Amino acid sequence: MNLTGIDHFVLTVEDLERTCAFYEALGAEVVAFDDGRTGERRALQFGEQKINLHPVDTDVEHVAAAPTPGAGDFCLLTETPIAEVEERLHEQNIEIVEGPVERTGTVGRLESVYVRDPDENLVEIGRYKDD
């Protein structure tokens, strides 16, 4: 087996509309799709990856053993300089809980800031450093 990347992952959310609005403010595209089982669903698209959203009160097959809002901790990549990311977050009244800080990403060093989404998931927004 040759795993090549991540296609999507799932966040369990309390308020679908509020979550969509938050990530749209970060630059995500909110997309609707029909999985053929549960009807229309929504996801957050970032380039070629997406985050599927499961409202906490929706019956979706094949979920994590204990789907819980706020249990996520992940990094979104940006090509925008972190100083500009900070400005955009301040304009959107999104609190930066840490950063900018240097972290280690998959293929190098990142400069990152951390925020919390409406469900209290920890969202790192990182940019690879030019070294």
Protein backbone atom coordinates (compact mmCIF):
# COMPACT_ATOMS: atom_id res chain seq x y z
CA MET A 1 0.00 0.00 0.00
CA ASN A 2 1.35 3.40 -0.99
CA LEU A 3 -0.50 6.16 0.84
CA THR A 4 0.03 9.49 -0.92
CA GLY A 5 -1.71 12.17 1.10
CA ILE A 6 -4.84 13.34 2.86
CA ASP A 7 -8.00 13.86 0.81
CA HIS A 8 -10.27 15.02 3.62
CA PHE A 9 -11.02 14.70 7.29
CA VAL A 10 -14.16 15.33 9.31
CA LEU A 11 -15.04 17.83 12.02
CA THR A 12 -18.07 17.36 14.23
CA VAL A 13 -19.66 20.77 14.76
CA GLU A 14 -22.33 22.28 17.00
CA ASP A 15 -23.48 25.03 14.60
CA LEU A 16 -22.99 24.33 10.90
CA GLU A 17 -23.75 27.89 9.74
CA ARG A 18 -21.40 29.47 12.27
CA THR A 19 -18.61 27.05 11.36
CA CYS A 20 -19.04 27.70 7.63
CA ALA A 21 -18.96 31.47 8.20
CA PHE A 22 -15.79 31.22 10.31
CA TYR A 23 -13.85 29.20 7.74
CA GLU A 24 -15.21 31.29 4.86
CA ALA A 25 -13.68 34.31 6.61
CA LEU A 26 -10.35 32.44 6.55
CA GLY A 27 -10.69 31.89 2.79
CA ALA A 28 -12.27 28.43 2.57
CA GLU A 29 -14.82 27.67 -0.10
CA VAL A 30 -17.97 26.20 1.43
CA VAL A 31 -19.20 23.41 -0.84
CA ALA A 32 -22.34 21.31 -0.74
CA PHE A 33 -22.33 17.69 -1.81
CA ASP A 34 -24.66 14.70 -1.71
CA ASP A 35 -22.97 11.56 -0.42
CA GLY A 36 -25.83 9.38 -1.66
CA ARG A 37 -26.64 8.25 1.89
CA THR A 38 -27.60 11.16 4.08
CA GLY A 39 -28.58 13.85 1.56
CA GLU A 40 -26.90 17.19 1.18
CA ARG A 41 -23.85 17.83 3.33
CA ARG A 42 -21.31 20.60 3.51
CA ALA A 43 -17.57 20.79 3.46
CA LEU A 44 -14.81 23.36 3.57
CA GLN A 45 -12.52 23.24 0.53
CA PHE A 46 -8.92 24.41 0.63
CA GLY A 47 -7.25 23.80 -2.73
CA GLU A 48 -7.37 20.06 -3.38
CA GLN A 49 -8.26 19.09 0.20
CA LYS A 50 -11.45 19.46 2.18
CA ILE A 51 -12.89 19.19 5.65
CA ASN A 52 -16.28 17.48 5.78
CA LEU A 53 -18.63 18.83 8.43
CA HIS A 54 -20.88 16.61 10.53
CA PRO A 55 -23.39 18.48 12.68
CA VAL A 56 -23.39 16.88 16.12
CA ASP A 57 -27.13 16.13 15.91
CA THR A 58 -27.09 14.53 12.45
CA ASP A 59 -27.16 10.77 11.90
CA VAL A 60 -24.17 10.01 9.67
CA GLU A 61 -22.90 6.49 9.09
CA HIS A 62 -19.31 5.56 9.84
CA VAL A 63 -18.17 8.18 12.27
CA ALA A 64 -15.40 8.23 14.83
CA ALA A 65 -16.01 6.22 17.99
CA ALA A 66 -16.65 9.37 20.00
CA PRO A 67 -17.32 12.31 17.64
CA THR A 68 -16.89 15.44 19.72
CA PRO A 69 -16.97 19.11 18.75
CA GLY A 70 -13.70 20.80 19.65
CA ALA A 71 -11.47 17.73 19.51
CA GLY A 72 -9.63 18.83 16.34
CA ASP A 73 -6.09 20.16 16.17
CA PHE A 74 -4.75 20.71 12.66
CA CYS A 75 -2.71 23.01 10.41
CA LEU A 76 -3.91 24.88 7.35
CA LEU A 77 -1.20 26.07 4.95
CA THR A 78 -1.06 29.51 3.40
CA GLU A 79 1.15 31.26 0.88
CA THR A 80 0.25 34.62 2.43
CA PRO A 81 2.92 36.17 4.67
CA ILE A 82 2.01 35.61 8.32
CA ALA A 83 1.98 39.38 9.03
CA GLU A 84 -0.84 39.68 6.46
CA VAL A 85 -2.60 36.66 7.98
CA GLU A 86 -2.48 38.41 11.36
CA GLU A 87 -4.00 41.56 9.82
CA ARG A 88 -6.79 39.56 8.18
CA LEU A 89 -7.56 37.75 11.44
CA HIS A 90 -7.73 41.06 13.33
CA GLU A 91 -10.05 42.50 10.63
CA GLN A 92 -12.33 39.46 11.09
CA ASN A 93 -12.18 39.80 14.92
CA ILE A 94 -10.61 36.35 15.19
CA GLU A 95 -8.38 36.11 18.24
CA ILE A 96 -4.86 34.77 17.79
CA VAL A 97 -4.19 32.46 20.72
CA GLU A 98 -0.48 32.01 19.93
CA GLY A 99 2.02 33.28 17.43
CA PRO A 100 3.61 33.98 15.28
CA VAL A 101 5.84 31.07 16.21
CA GLU A 102 8.15 28.72 14.37
CA ARG A 103 7.02 25.11 14.00
CA THR A 104 8.07 22.04 12.04
CA GLY A 105 5.82 21.06 9.15
CA THR A 106 5.85 18.03 6.91
CA VAL A 107 8.49 19.39 4.51
CA GLY A 108 10.21 22.16 6.46
CA ARG A 109 9.95 24.99 8.92
CA LEU A 110 6.69 26.90 9.29
CA GLU A 111 5.89 30.32 10.64
CA SER A 112 2.47 29.93 12.24
CA VAL A 113 -0.33 31.53 14.21
CA TYR A 114 -2.99 29.64 16.15
CA VAL A 115 -6.70 30.41 16.43
CA ARG A 116 -9.75 28.58 17.74
CA ASP A 117 -12.80 27.95 15.60
CA PRO A 118 -16.38 28.22 16.91
CA ASP A 119 -16.19 24.68 18.37
CA GLU A 120 -12.82 25.42 20.05
CA ASN A 121 -10.79 23.29 17.62
CA LEU A 122 -7.18 24.47 17.54
CA VAL A 123 -6.39 25.72 14.05
CA GLU A 124 -2.79 26.43 13.10
CA ILE A 125 -2.32 28.63 10.05
CA GLY A 126 1.20 28.16 8.76
CA ARG A 127 3.46 29.32 5.96
CA TYR A 128 6.61 27.53 4.95
CA LYS A 129 9.68 29.67 5.52
CA ASP A 130 11.94 30.52 2.62
CA ASP A 131 15.38 29.27 3.69
